[in-house]
C-alpha atoms as a PDB file:
ATOM      1  CA  MET A   1      -0.028  -0.012  -0.004  1.00  0.00           C
ATOM      2  CA  GLN A   2       1.427   3.290  -1.012  1.00  0.00           C
ATOM      3  CA  THR A   3      -0.597   6.383   0.022  1.00  0.00           C
ATOM      4  CA  GLY A   4       1.908   8.994  -0.623  1.00  0.00           C
ATOM      5  CA  GLN A   5       0.906  10.642   2.655  1.00  0.00           C
ATOM      6  CA  PRO A   6       3.639  11.234   5.270  1.00  0.00           C
ATOM      7  CA  ASN A   7       1.407  11.522   8.265  1.00  0.00           C
ATOM      8  CA  LEU A   8      -0.865   8.567   8.048  1.00  0.00           C
ATOM      9  CA  PRO A   9      -3.427   7.654  10.585  1.00  0.00           C
ATOM     10  CA  PRO A  10      -2.389   4.435  12.576  1.00  0.00           C
ATOM     11  CA  ALA A  11      -4.964   2.441  10.861  1.00  0.00           C
ATOM     12  CA  LEU A  12      -3.570   3.089   7.442  1.00  0.00           C
ATOM     13  CA  ASP A  13       0.081   2.315   8.417  1.00  0.00           C
ATOM     14  CA  PRO A  14       1.428   0.123   5.501  1.00  0.00           C
ATOM     15  CA  SER A  15       2.634  -2.615   7.817  1.00  0.00           C
ATOM     16  CA  LEU A  16      -1.027  -3.081   8.967  1.00  0.00           C
ATOM     17  CA  PHE A  17      -2.564  -3.214   5.605  1.00  0.00           C
ATOM     18  CA  ILE A  18      -2.639  -6.927   5.108  1.00  0.00           C
ATOM     19  CA  PRO A  19      -3.715  -7.739   8.677  1.00  0.00           C
ATOM     20  CA  LEU A  20      -6.550  -5.192   8.604  1.00  0.00           C
ATOM     21  CA  HIS A  21      -7.630  -6.581   5.153  1.00  0.00           C
ATOM     22  CA  PHE A  22      -7.818 -10.055   6.528  1.00  0.00           C
ATOM     23  CA  LEU A  23      -9.611  -8.943   9.644  1.00  0.00           C
ATOM     24  CA  LEU A  24     -12.091  -6.794   7.793  1.00  0.00           C
ATOM     25  CA  MET A  25     -12.774  -9.485   5.169  1.00  0.00           C
ATOM     26  CA  ASN A  26     -13.427 -12.138   7.793  1.00  0.00           C
ATOM     27  CA  THR A  27     -15.481 -10.008   9.959  1.00  0.00           C
ATOM     28  CA  THR A  28     -17.760  -8.694   7.267  1.00  0.00           C
ATOM     29  CA  ASP A  29     -18.002 -12.385   5.823  1.00  0.00           C
ATOM     30  CA  PHE A  30     -19.151 -13.605   9.289  1.00  0.00           C
ATOM     31  CA  LEU A  31     -21.629 -10.761   9.720  1.00  0.00           C
ATOM     32  CA  GLY A  32     -23.070 -11.568   6.264  1.00  0.00           C
ATOM     33  CA  ARG A  33     -23.336 -15.309   7.153  1.00  0.00           C
ATOM     34  CA  LEU A  34     -25.326 -14.102  10.440  1.00  0.00           C
ATOM     35  CA  ALA A  35     -27.634 -12.063   8.618  1.00  0.00           C
ATOM     36  CA  PRO A  36     -30.114 -14.641   7.304  1.00  0.00           C
ATOM     37  CA  GLY A  37     -30.325 -16.030  10.807  1.00  0.00           C
ATOM     38  CA  LEU A  38     -31.323 -12.614  12.260  1.00  0.00           C
ATOM     39  CA  SER A  39     -34.409 -12.333  10.170  1.00  0.00           C
ATOM     40  CA  THR A  40     -35.435 -15.327   7.934  1.00  0.00           C
ATOM     41  CA  ARG A  41     -38.290 -13.302   6.691  1.00  0.00           C
ATOM     42  CA  TYR A  42     -36.457 -10.261   5.503  1.00  0.00           C
ATOM     43  CA  LEU A  43     -32.739 -11.233   5.032  1.00  0.00           C
ATOM     44  CA  THR A  44     -33.110 -14.669   3.399  1.00  0.00           C
ATOM     45  CA  ILE A  45     -33.539 -15.035  -0.298  1.00  0.00           C
ATOM     46  CA  GLN A  46     -35.499 -18.011  -1.320  1.00  0.00           C
ATOM     47  CA  ASN A  47     -35.796 -17.327  -5.053  1.00  0.00           C
ATOM     48  CA  PRO A  48     -33.235 -19.435  -6.844  1.00  0.00           C
ATOM     49  CA  THR A  49     -33.204 -16.997  -9.846  1.00  0.00           C
ATOM     50  CA  THR A  50     -32.594 -13.926  -7.610  1.00  0.00           C
ATOM     51  CA  LEU A  51     -29.827 -15.900  -5.743  1.00  0.00           C
ATOM     52  CA  ALA A  52     -28.112 -16.734  -9.105  1.00  0.00           C
ATOM     53  CA  THR A  53     -28.441 -13.163 -10.282  1.00  0.00           C
ATOM     54  CA  LEU A  54     -26.989 -11.665  -7.197  1.00  0.00           C
ATOM     55  CA  ALA A  55     -24.070 -14.190  -7.242  1.00  0.00           C
ATOM     56  CA  ALA A  56     -23.250 -13.360 -10.890  1.00  0.00           C
ATOM     57  CA  LEU A  57     -23.525  -9.614 -10.251  1.00  0.00           C
ATOM     58  CA  ARG A  58     -20.702 -10.014  -7.716  1.00  0.00           C
ATOM     59  CA  ILE A  59     -18.403  -9.821 -10.682  1.00  0.00           C
ATOM     60  CA  VAL A  60     -18.637  -6.011 -10.492  1.00  0.00           C
ATOM     61  CA  PHE A  61     -16.326  -6.316  -7.556  1.00  0.00           C
ATOM     62  CA  TRP A  62     -13.336  -7.178  -9.837  1.00  0.00           C
ATOM     63  CA  PRO A  63     -13.024  -3.879 -11.620  1.00  0.00           C
ATOM     64  CA  LEU A  64     -13.615  -1.986  -8.412  1.00  0.00           C
ATOM     65  CA  PHE A  65     -10.748  -3.933  -6.711  1.00  0.00           C
ATOM     66  CA  TRP A  66      -8.507  -3.251  -9.706  1.00  0.00           C
ATOM     67  CA  ALA A  67      -9.268   0.469  -9.648  1.00  0.00           C
ATOM     68  CA  CYS A  68      -7.887   0.709  -6.028  1.00  0.00           C
ATOM     69  CA  ASN A  69      -4.432   2.175  -5.322  1.00  0.00           C
ATOM     70  CA  VAL A  70      -3.006  -0.863  -3.576  1.00  0.00           C
ATOM     71  CA  SER A  71       0.379  -1.313  -5.245  1.00  0.00           C
ATOM     72  CA  ASN A  72       0.916   1.419  -7.737  1.00  0.00           C
ATOM     73  CA  ARG A  73       2.080  -1.411 -10.200  1.00  0.00           C
ATOM     74  CA  GLY A  74      -1.172  -2.014 -12.146  1.00  0.00           C
ATOM     75  CA  PRO A  75      -1.414  -1.202 -15.858  1.00  0.00           C
ATOM     76  CA  TRP A  76      -4.356   1.229 -15.227  1.00  0.00           C
ATOM     77  CA  PHE A  77      -4.752   4.497 -13.497  1.00  0.00           C
ATOM     78  CA  PRO A  78      -6.056   4.009  -9.822  1.00  0.00           C
ATOM     79  CA  ILE A  79      -9.418   5.637  -9.318  1.00  0.00           C
ATOM     80  CA  PHE A  80     -10.037   4.806  -5.553  1.00  0.00           C
ATOM     81  CA  ASN A  81      -7.824   5.430  -2.571  1.00  0.00           C
ATOM     82  CA  ASP A  82      -6.789   3.056   0.197  1.00  0.00           C
ATOM     83  CA  VAL A  83      -9.939   3.842   2.360  1.00  0.00           C
ATOM     84  CA  ALA A  84     -12.171   3.209  -0.652  1.00  0.00           C
ATOM     85  CA  PHE A  85     -10.429  -0.146  -0.948  1.00  0.00           C
ATOM     86  CA  PHE A  86     -11.493  -1.258   2.536  1.00  0.00           C
ATOM     87  CA  ILE A  87     -15.166  -0.052   1.973  1.00  0.00           C
ATOM     88  CA  ILE A  88     -15.373  -2.132  -1.173  1.00  0.00           C
ATOM     89  CA  LEU A  89     -13.776  -4.980   0.675  1.00  0.00           C
ATOM     90  CA  ALA A  90     -16.377  -4.703   3.456  1.00  0.00           C
ATOM     91  CA  LEU A  91     -19.278  -4.760   0.884  1.00  0.00           C
ATOM     92  CA  PHE A  92     -17.539  -7.763  -0.782  1.00  0.00           C
ATOM     93  CA  GLY A  93     -17.347  -9.640   2.565  1.00  0.00           C
ATOM     94  CA  LEU A  94     -21.000  -8.980   3.480  1.00  0.00           C
ATOM     95  CA  SER A  95     -22.246 -10.021   0.116  1.00  0.00           C
ATOM     96  CA  ASN A  96     -20.011 -13.093   0.114  1.00  0.00           C
ATOM     97  CA  GLY A  97     -21.298 -14.281   3.513  1.00  0.00           C
ATOM     98  CA  TRP A  98     -24.994 -13.497   2.893  1.00  0.00           C
ATOM     99  CA  ILE A  99     -25.312 -14.980  -0.496  1.00  0.00           C
ATOM    100  CA  ALA A 100     -23.213 -18.086   0.407  1.00  0.00           C
ATOM    101  CA  THR A 101     -25.504 -18.816   3.469  1.00  0.00           C
ATOM    102  CA  CYS A 102     -28.715 -18.185   1.519  1.00  0.00           C
ATOM    103  CA  LEU A 103     -27.434 -20.618  -1.169  1.00  0.00           C
ATOM    104  CA  MET A 104     -26.529 -23.227   1.507  1.00  0.00           C
ATOM    105  CA  MET A 105     -29.839 -22.757   3.193  1.00  0.00           C
ATOM    106  CA  GLU A 106     -31.929 -23.040   0.045  1.00  0.00           C
ATOM    107  CA  ALA A 107     -30.263 -25.697  -1.900  1.00  0.00           C
ATOM    108  CA  GLY A 108     -31.936 -28.597  -0.194  1.00  0.00           C
ATOM    109  CA  MET A 109     -35.291 -27.291  -0.845  1.00  0.00           C
ATOM    110  CA  TYR A 110     -35.110 -28.006  -4.494  1.00  0.00           C
ATOM    111  CA  VAL A 111     -34.446 -31.793  -4.270  1.00  0.00           C
ATOM    112  CA  PRO A 112     -36.659 -34.603  -3.138  1.00  0.00           C
ATOM    113  CA  VAL A 113     -36.711 -35.037   0.728  1.00  0.00           C
ATOM    114  CA  HIS A 114     -34.867 -38.373   0.509  1.00  0.00           C
ATOM    115  CA  GLU A 115     -31.946 -36.737  -1.336  1.00  0.00           C
ATOM    116  CA  ARG A 116     -31.517 -33.483   0.759  1.00  0.00           C
ATOM    117  CA  GLU A 117     -28.681 -34.937   2.840  1.00  0.00           C
ATOM    118  CA  LYS A 118     -26.765 -35.796  -0.393  1.00  0.00           C
ATOM    119  CA  ALA A 119     -27.498 -32.431  -1.864  1.00  0.00           C
ATOM    120  CA  ASN A 120     -26.177 -30.660   1.188  1.00  0.00           C
ATOM    121  CA  SER A 121     -23.148 -32.760   1.185  1.00  0.00           C
ATOM    122  CA  LEU A 122     -22.679 -31.830  -2.346  1.00  0.00           C
ATOM    123  CA  MET A 123     -23.048 -28.278  -1.650  1.00  0.00           C
ATOM    124  CA  SER A 124     -20.394 -28.445   1.121  1.00  0.00           C
ATOM    125  CA  PHE A 125     -18.025 -30.262  -1.322  1.00  0.00           C
ATOM    126  CA  CYS A 126     -18.616 -27.709  -4.010  1.00  0.00           C
ATOM    127  CA  LEU A 127     -17.918 -24.903  -1.548  1.00  0.00           C
ATOM    128  CA  CYS A 128     -14.562 -26.505  -0.615  1.00  0.00           C
ATOM    129  CA  ILE A 129     -13.632 -26.984  -4.252  1.00  0.00           C
ATOM    130  CA  GLY A 130     -14.628 -23.264  -4.923  1.00  0.00           C
ATOM    131  CA  LEU A 131     -12.335 -22.172  -2.102  1.00  0.00           C
ATOM    132  CA  ALA A 132      -9.299 -24.224  -3.399  1.00  0.00           C
ATOM    133  CA  MET A 133      -9.858 -23.091  -7.021  1.00  0.00           C
ATOM    134  CA  GLY A 134     -10.212 -19.408  -5.898  1.00  0.00           C
ATOM    135  CA  SER A 135      -6.932 -19.766  -3.982  1.00  0.00           C
ATOM    136  CA  PHE A 136      -5.254 -21.221  -6.919  1.00  0.00           C
ATOM    137  CA  LEU A 137      -6.643 -18.631  -9.392  1.00  0.00           C
ATOM    138  CA  SER A 138      -5.495 -15.928  -7.122  1.00  0.00           C
ATOM    139  CA  PHE A 139      -1.859 -16.699  -7.694  1.00  0.00           C
ATOM    140  CA  LEU A 140      -2.496 -16.770 -11.472  1.00  0.00           C
ATOM    141  CA  VAL A 141      -4.225 -13.337 -11.376  1.00  0.00           C
ATOM    142  CA  SER A 142      -1.714 -11.603  -9.096  1.00  0.00           C
ATOM    143  CA  THR A 143       1.440 -12.947 -10.747  1.00  0.00           C
ATOM    144  CA  PRO A 144       1.737 -10.247 -13.321  1.00  0.00           C
ATOM    145  CA  PHE A 145       1.685  -7.595 -10.625  1.00  0.00           C
ATOM    146  CA  ILE A 146       4.256  -9.130  -8.337  1.00  0.00           C
ATOM    147  CA  GLY A 147       7.603  -7.848  -9.169  1.00  0.00           C
ATOM    148  CA  ALA A 148      11.023  -6.675  -7.545  1.00  0.00           C
ATOM    149  CA  ASP A 149      10.769  -3.496  -5.661  1.00  0.00           C
END
Protein backbone atom coordinates (compact mmCIF):
# COMPACT_ATOMS: atom_id res chain seq x y z
CA MET A 1 0.00 0.00 0.00
CA GLN A 2 1.42 3.33 -0.99
CA THR A 3 -0.62 6.32 -0.06
CA GLY A 4 1.93 9.01 -0.66
CA GLN A 5 0.91 10.73 2.60
CA PRO A 6 3.64 11.24 5.21
CA ASN A 7 1.29 11.61 8.22
CA LEU A 8 -0.90 8.53 8.07
CA PRO A 9 -3.47 7.61 10.67
CA PRO A 10 -2.35 4.50 12.58
CA ALA A 11 -5.00 2.36 10.84
CA LEU A 12 -3.48 3.12 7.42
CA ASP A 13 0.10 2.25 8.35
CA PRO A 14 1.45 0.13 5.45
CA SER A 15 2.61 -2.60 7.83
CA LEU A 16 -1.00 -3.05 9.00
CA PHE A 17 -2.57 -3.20 5.54
CA ILE A 18 -2.61 -6.99 5.17
CA PRO A 19 -3.73 -7.76 8.76
CA LEU A 20 -6.55 -5.19 8.49
CA HIS A 21 -7.51 -6.61 5.12
CA PHE A 22 -7.88 -10.13 6.54
CA LEU A 23 -9.65 -8.91 9.68
CA LEU A 24 -12.15 -6.82 7.73
CA MET A 25 -12.85 -9.53 5.14
CA ASN A 26 -13.38 -12.25 7.73
CA THR A 27 -15.46 -10.04 10.03
CA THR A 28 -17.78 -8.80 7.30
CA ASP A 29 -18.07 -12.29 5.83
CA PHE A 30 -19.08 -13.56 9.28
CA LEU A 31 -21.63 -10.77 9.68
CA GLY A 32 -23.00 -11.58 6.23
CA ARG A 33 -23.37 -15.22 7.27
CA LEU A 34 -25.21 -14.17 10.43
CA ALA A 35 -27.68 -11.92 8.60
CA PRO A 36 -30.06 -14.65 7.31
CA GLY A 37 -30.31 -16.05 10.83
CA LEU A 38 -31.32 -12.69 12.28
CA SER A 39 -34.44 -12.38 10.17
CA THR A 40 -35.37 -15.29 7.95
CA ARG A 41 -38.32 -13.31 6.64
CA TYR A 42 -36.45 -10.22 5.46
CA LEU A 43 -32.81 -11.27 5.07
CA THR A 44 -33.16 -14.67 3.41
CA ILE A 45 -33.54 -14.94 -0.34
CA GLN A 46 -35.60 -17.97 -1.35
CA ASN A 47 -35.88 -17.36 -5.08
CA PRO A 48 -33.16 -19.32 -6.92
CA THR A 49 -33.16 -16.91 -9.87
CA THR A 50 -32.57 -13.95 -7.58
CA LEU A 51 -29.77 -15.81 -5.79
CA ALA A 52 -28.08 -16.73 -9.08
CA THR A 53 -28.40 -13.14 -10.32
CA LEU A 54 -26.91 -11.68 -7.13
CA ALA A 55 -24.06 -14.19 -7.23
CA ALA A 56 -23.32 -13.31 -10.86
CA LEU A 57 -23.49 -9.57 -10.15
CA ARG A 58 -20.63 -9.90 -7.68
CA ILE A 59 -18.31 -9.85 -10.70
CA VAL A 60 -18.69 -6.06 -10.48
CA PHE A 61 -16.27 -6.18 -7.56
CA TRP A 62 -13.36 -7.19 -9.83
CA PRO A 63 -13.00 -3.86 -11.63
CA LEU A 64 -13.64 -2.02 -8.37
CA PHE A 65 -10.72 -3.82 -6.70
CA TRP A 66 -8.52 -3.29 -9.76
CA ALA A 67 -9.25 0.43 -9.64
CA CYS A 68 -7.87 0.73 -6.11
CA ASN A 69 -4.44 2.17 -5.35
CA VAL A 70 -2.94 -0.85 -3.60
CA SER A 71 0.46 -1.40 -5.20
CA ASN A 72 0.94 1.38 -7.78
CA ARG A 73 2.04 -1.36 -10.22
CA GLY A 74 -1.14 -1.98 -12.17
CA PRO A 75 -1.44 -1.18 -15.87
CA TRP A 76 -4.33 1.21 -15.21
CA PHE A 77 -4.79 4.48 -13.45
CA PRO A 78 -6.05 3.92 -9.88
CA ILE A 79 -9.37 5.63 -9.27
CA PHE A 80 -9.98 4.80 -5.63
CA ASN A 81 -7.76 5.41 -2.62
CA ASP A 82 -6.90 3.01 0.19
CA VAL A 83 -9.93 3.87 2.32
CA ALA A 84 -12.22 3.11 -0.61
CA PHE A 85 -10.48 -0.26 -0.93
CA PHE A 86 -11.54 -1.17 2.61
CA ILE A 87 -15.12 0.00 1.97
CA ILE A 88 -15.30 -2.09 -1.21
CA LEU A 89 -13.77 -5.03 0.68
CA ALA A 90 -16.39 -4.71 3.45
CA LEU A 91 -19.22 -4.76 0.90
CA PHE A 92 -17.58 -7.74 -0.81
CA GLY A 93 -17.32 -9.63 2.49
CA LEU A 94 -20.91 -8.90 3.49
CA SER A 95 -22.28 -9.98 0.11
CA ASN A 96 -20.06 -13.08 0.13
CA GLY A 97 -21.32 -14.30 3.50
CA TRP A 98 -24.94 -13.38 2.88
CA ILE A 99 -25.27 -14.95 -0.58
CA ALA A 100 -23.26 -18.06 0.37
CA THR A 101 -25.45 -18.67 3.41
CA CYS A 102 -28.67 -18.15 1.47
CA LEU A 103 -27.46 -20.58 -1.20
CA MET A 104 -26.52 -23.21 1.38
CA MET A 105 -29.86 -22.81 3.18
CA GLU A 106 -31.97 -23.05 0.04
CA ALA A 107 -30.10 -25.75 -1.90
CA GLY A 108 -31.82 -28.63 -0.15
CA MET A 109 -35.27 -27.24 -0.84
CA TYR A 110 -35.11 -28.01 -4.57
CA VAL A 111 -34.46 -31.76 -4.35
CA PRO A 112 -36.67 -34.60 -3.11
CA VAL A 113 -36.74 -35.02 0.67
CA HIS A 114 -34.88 -38.33 0.60
CA GLU A 115 -31.96 -36.73 -1.30
CA ARG A 116 -31.56 -33.56 0.76
CA GLU A 117 -28.69 -34.96 2.82
CA LYS A 118 -26.78 -35.82 -0.37
CA ALA A 119 -27.55 -32.42 -1.88
CA ASN A 120 -26.27 -30.60 1.20
CA SER A 121 -23.11 -32.74 1.22
CA LEU A 122 -22.61 -31.91 -2.44
CA MET A 123 -23.03 -28.19 -1.68
CA SER A 124 -20.37 -28.43 1.05
CA PHE A 125 -18.04 -30.27 -1.31
CA CYS A 126 -18.56 -27.67 -4.05
CA LEU A 127 -17.88 -24.91 -1.52
CA CYS A 128 -14.53 -26.53 -0.63
CA ILE A 129 -13.63 -26.98 -4.31
CA GLY A 130 -14.57 -23.36 -4.99
CA LEU A 131 -12.36 -22.14 -2.14
CA ALA A 132 -9.45 -24.22 -3.40
CA MET A 133 -9.90 -23.02 -6.99
CA GLY A 134 -10.18 -19.41 -5.85
CA SER A 135 -6.93 -19.72 -3.92
CA PHE A 136 -5.21 -21.23 -6.95
CA LEU A 137 -6.57 -18.61 -9.35
CA SER A 138 -5.49 -15.79 -7.04
CA PHE A 139 -1.89 -16.77 -7.74
CA LEU A 140 -2.49 -16.66 -11.50
CA VAL A 141 -4.23 -13.29 -11.34
CA SER A 142 -1.69 -11.67 -9.02
CA THR A 143 1.46 -13.00 -10.74
CA PRO A 144 1.69 -10.19 -13.33
CA PHE A 145 1.66 -7.59 -10.56
CA ILE A 146 4.32 -9.14 -8.36
CA GLY A 147 7.74 -7.79 -9.14
CA ALA A 148 10.96 -6.76 -7.56
CA ASP A 149 10.79 -3.46 -5.70
